[in-house]
Amino acid sequence: MCRFNSHEPSDMPPLEKRSVRLPRLTFVTRILFALFLFGTGIMTMGFGVNGYPVGDPPTELDQFMLALEKTGYLIFWVGFLKTVAGGLMFFPKTAPLAILMSLPYAFNILLYVIFFAHQYLVIGLLDFVACALLIYCYFDWYRPIFAGPTTASIQDSSGGEHAL
């Protein structure tokens, strides 16, 4: 029978006691970020299905997006994951997972607007800052990821305990 050693203090609060920092700001940011991700995710999936709209003549940014489009599935699946993350972010219990799902997208968009699409810099910065703020606010939920291994004990058939 395996059980955790109850003699050692735990650094991780149970799920019921994990708090959210700055709850009002977190709620507003989470809902706005969820709306942004969900809406732009649907739009991006549309680009994956219908093609990316380009100007005449195509700009360097348009040419970059057309090159991404030629990969076939990339744009659609990015949009799909944005939509799923945005949808999950509407619900408090799934928000921590959704925030982690959106982090690679937010970081990628930050790099994209810095290096390619300078005209969208404000939107890209707000996108990344919202994700970073939400990670900070939900950090108690992520603390177990960074925690060291816990000591568990196994009770053998003779009743003695052995640490793992």
Protein backbone atom coordinates (compact mmCIF):
# COMPACT_ATOMS: atom_id res chain seq x y z
CA MET A 1 0.00 0.00 0.00
CA CYS A 2 1.48 3.33 -1.01
CA ARG A 3 0.78 6.50 0.94
CA PHE A 4 2.44 9.86 1.27
CA ASN A 5 4.49 10.57 4.36
CA SER A 6 2.32 12.89 6.46
CA HIS A 7 5.20 13.87 8.78
CA GLU A 8 6.77 16.30 6.33
CA PRO A 9 5.36 19.79 5.68
CA SER A 10 3.99 20.34 2.23
CA ASP A 11 4.89 23.44 0.21
CA MET A 12 1.94 22.97 -2.12
CA PRO A 13 -1.53 24.04 -1.05
CA PRO A 14 -4.33 21.64 -1.91
CA LEU A 15 -6.40 22.45 -4.97
CA GLU A 16 -9.19 23.91 -2.85
CA LYS A 17 -6.81 26.40 -1.21
CA ARG A 18 -4.92 27.59 -4.28
CA SER A 19 -5.59 31.25 -4.65
CA VAL A 20 -5.56 33.65 -7.54
CA ARG A 21 -3.59 36.85 -7.12
CA LEU A 22 -5.37 40.13 -7.92
CA PRO A 23 -8.73 38.40 -8.44
CA ARG A 24 -10.65 41.31 -10.02
CA LEU A 25 -7.87 42.21 -12.44
CA THR A 26 -7.36 38.52 -13.18
CA PHE A 27 -11.05 38.02 -13.99
CA VAL A 28 -11.22 40.98 -16.37
CA THR A 29 -7.91 40.07 -18.05
CA ARG A 30 -8.90 36.41 -18.34
CA ILE A 31 -12.26 37.17 -19.97
CA LEU A 32 -10.81 39.75 -22.39
CA PHE A 33 -7.91 37.43 -23.30
CA ALA A 34 -10.37 34.54 -23.74
CA LEU A 35 -12.53 36.65 -26.08
CA PHE A 36 -9.44 37.69 -28.03
CA LEU A 37 -8.13 34.13 -28.35
CA PHE A 38 -11.50 32.65 -29.22
CA GLY A 39 -12.33 35.30 -31.82
CA THR A 40 -8.93 35.39 -33.48
CA GLY A 41 -8.75 31.61 -33.31
CA ILE A 42 -11.90 31.28 -35.38
CA MET A 43 -10.58 33.93 -37.77
CA THR A 44 -7.24 32.09 -38.08
CA MET A 45 -9.00 28.79 -38.78
CA GLY A 46 -10.86 30.62 -41.54
CA PHE A 47 -7.50 31.71 -43.00
CA GLY A 48 -6.40 28.08 -42.88
CA VAL A 49 -9.46 26.98 -44.83
CA ASN A 50 -10.03 29.93 -47.18
CA GLY A 51 -6.50 31.28 -47.55
CA TYR A 52 -4.84 34.39 -46.19
CA PRO A 53 -6.08 37.66 -47.74
CA VAL A 54 -3.26 39.54 -49.46
CA GLY A 55 -3.02 43.01 -50.89
CA ASP A 56 -2.13 43.91 -54.44
CA PRO A 57 0.85 43.99 -54.66
CA PRO A 58 1.61 41.63 -51.74
CA THR A 59 3.74 43.18 -49.00
CA GLU A 60 6.61 41.31 -47.32
CA LEU A 61 4.23 40.43 -44.51
CA ASP A 62 1.72 39.06 -47.04
CA GLN A 63 4.47 36.96 -48.66
CA PHE A 64 5.46 35.59 -45.25
CA MET A 65 1.86 34.62 -44.49
CA LEU A 66 1.49 33.00 -47.93
CA ALA A 67 4.63 30.96 -47.26
CA LEU A 68 3.08 29.77 -43.96
CA GLU A 69 -0.13 28.95 -45.78
CA LYS A 70 1.79 26.65 -48.16
CA THR A 71 2.67 24.43 -45.18
CA GLY A 72 -0.91 23.21 -45.37
CA TYR A 73 -2.07 22.55 -41.85
CA LEU A 74 -0.13 25.02 -39.72
CA ILE A 75 -2.48 28.01 -39.83
CA PHE A 76 -5.63 25.95 -39.24
CA TRP A 77 -4.20 24.11 -36.23
CA VAL A 78 -2.82 27.28 -34.66
CA GLY A 79 -6.31 28.75 -34.96
CA PHE A 80 -7.86 25.60 -33.55
CA LEU A 81 -5.60 25.63 -30.48
CA LYS A 82 -6.24 29.35 -29.95
CA THR A 83 -9.99 28.70 -30.08
CA VAL A 84 -9.76 25.80 -27.63
CA ALA A 85 -7.53 27.78 -25.23
CA GLY A 86 -9.87 30.76 -25.45
CA GLY A 87 -12.90 28.56 -24.81
CA LEU A 88 -11.28 26.86 -21.81
CA MET A 89 -10.25 30.23 -20.39
CA PHE A 90 -13.89 31.22 -19.87
CA PHE A 91 -14.20 28.61 -17.09
CA PRO A 92 -12.31 29.17 -13.82
CA LYS A 93 -11.41 25.49 -13.33
CA THR A 94 -9.80 25.15 -16.76
CA ALA A 95 -8.28 28.64 -16.92
CA PRO A 96 -4.82 27.60 -15.59
CA LEU A 97 -4.50 24.95 -18.33
CA ALA A 98 -5.76 27.37 -20.99
CA ILE A 99 -3.23 30.00 -19.94
CA LEU A 100 -0.38 27.52 -20.31
CA MET A 101 -1.77 26.45 -23.69
CA SER A 102 -1.76 30.08 -24.86
CA LEU A 103 1.80 30.85 -23.71
CA PRO A 104 3.61 29.51 -26.82
CA TYR A 105 1.18 31.41 -29.03
CA ALA A 106 1.59 34.66 -27.05
CA PHE A 107 5.38 34.39 -27.12
CA ASN A 108 5.35 33.62 -30.84
CA ILE A 109 3.09 36.61 -31.53
CA LEU A 110 5.43 38.83 -29.52
CA LEU A 111 8.36 37.75 -31.70
CA TYR A 112 6.22 38.04 -34.86
CA VAL A 113 5.24 41.66 -34.18
CA ILE A 114 8.75 42.64 -33.12
CA PHE A 115 10.45 41.20 -36.21
CA PHE A 116 7.81 41.22 -38.96
CA ALA A 117 4.51 42.98 -38.33
CA HIS A 118 5.53 46.20 -36.62
CA GLN A 119 2.14 47.77 -37.29
CA TYR A 120 0.57 45.25 -34.84
CA LEU A 121 3.14 45.84 -32.07
CA VAL A 122 0.61 47.24 -29.57
CA ILE A 123 -1.73 44.27 -30.01
CA GLY A 124 1.14 41.78 -29.77
CA LEU A 125 2.50 43.42 -26.62
CA LEU A 126 -0.95 43.47 -24.98
CA ASP A 127 -1.43 39.82 -25.94
CA PHE A 128 1.86 38.79 -24.34
CA VAL A 129 1.41 41.00 -21.26
CA ALA A 130 -2.06 39.55 -20.66
CA CYS A 131 -0.67 36.01 -20.79
CA ALA A 132 2.29 36.88 -18.54
CA LEU A 133 -0.01 38.63 -16.04
CA LEU A 134 -2.34 35.64 -15.95
CA ILE A 135 0.59 33.28 -15.35
CA TYR A 136 1.66 35.49 -12.44
CA CYS A 137 -1.89 35.58 -11.05
CA TYR A 138 -2.32 31.80 -11.29
CA PHE A 139 1.19 30.94 -10.15
CA ASP A 140 -0.04 28.99 -7.10
CA TRP A 141 -1.63 26.58 -9.58
CA TYR A 142 1.72 26.08 -11.34
CA ARG A 143 3.87 25.81 -8.21
CA PRO A 144 3.77 21.96 -8.21
CA ILE A 145 5.52 21.98 -11.60
CA PHE A 146 8.55 23.63 -9.99
CA ALA A 147 8.44 21.74 -6.69
CA GLY A 148 10.99 19.07 -5.93
CA PRO A 149 10.07 15.44 -5.56
CA THR A 150 7.96 14.55 -2.54
CA THR A 151 8.96 11.81 -0.18
CA ALA A 152 6.55 8.91 -0.26
CA SER A 153 6.65 5.82 1.88
CA ILE A 154 5.64 2.28 1.04
CA GLN A 155 4.33 -0.05 3.66
CA ASP A 156 5.62 -3.57 3.17
CA SER A 157 3.69 -6.73 4.04
CA SER A 158 5.22 -6.87 7.53
CA GLY A 159 3.93 -3.39 8.37
CA GLY A 160 7.30 -1.57 8.10
CA GLU A 161 7.66 1.62 6.10
CA HIS A 162 10.30 2.31 3.47
CA ALA A 163 10.92 5.68 1.84
CA LEU A 164 10.96 5.90 -1.93
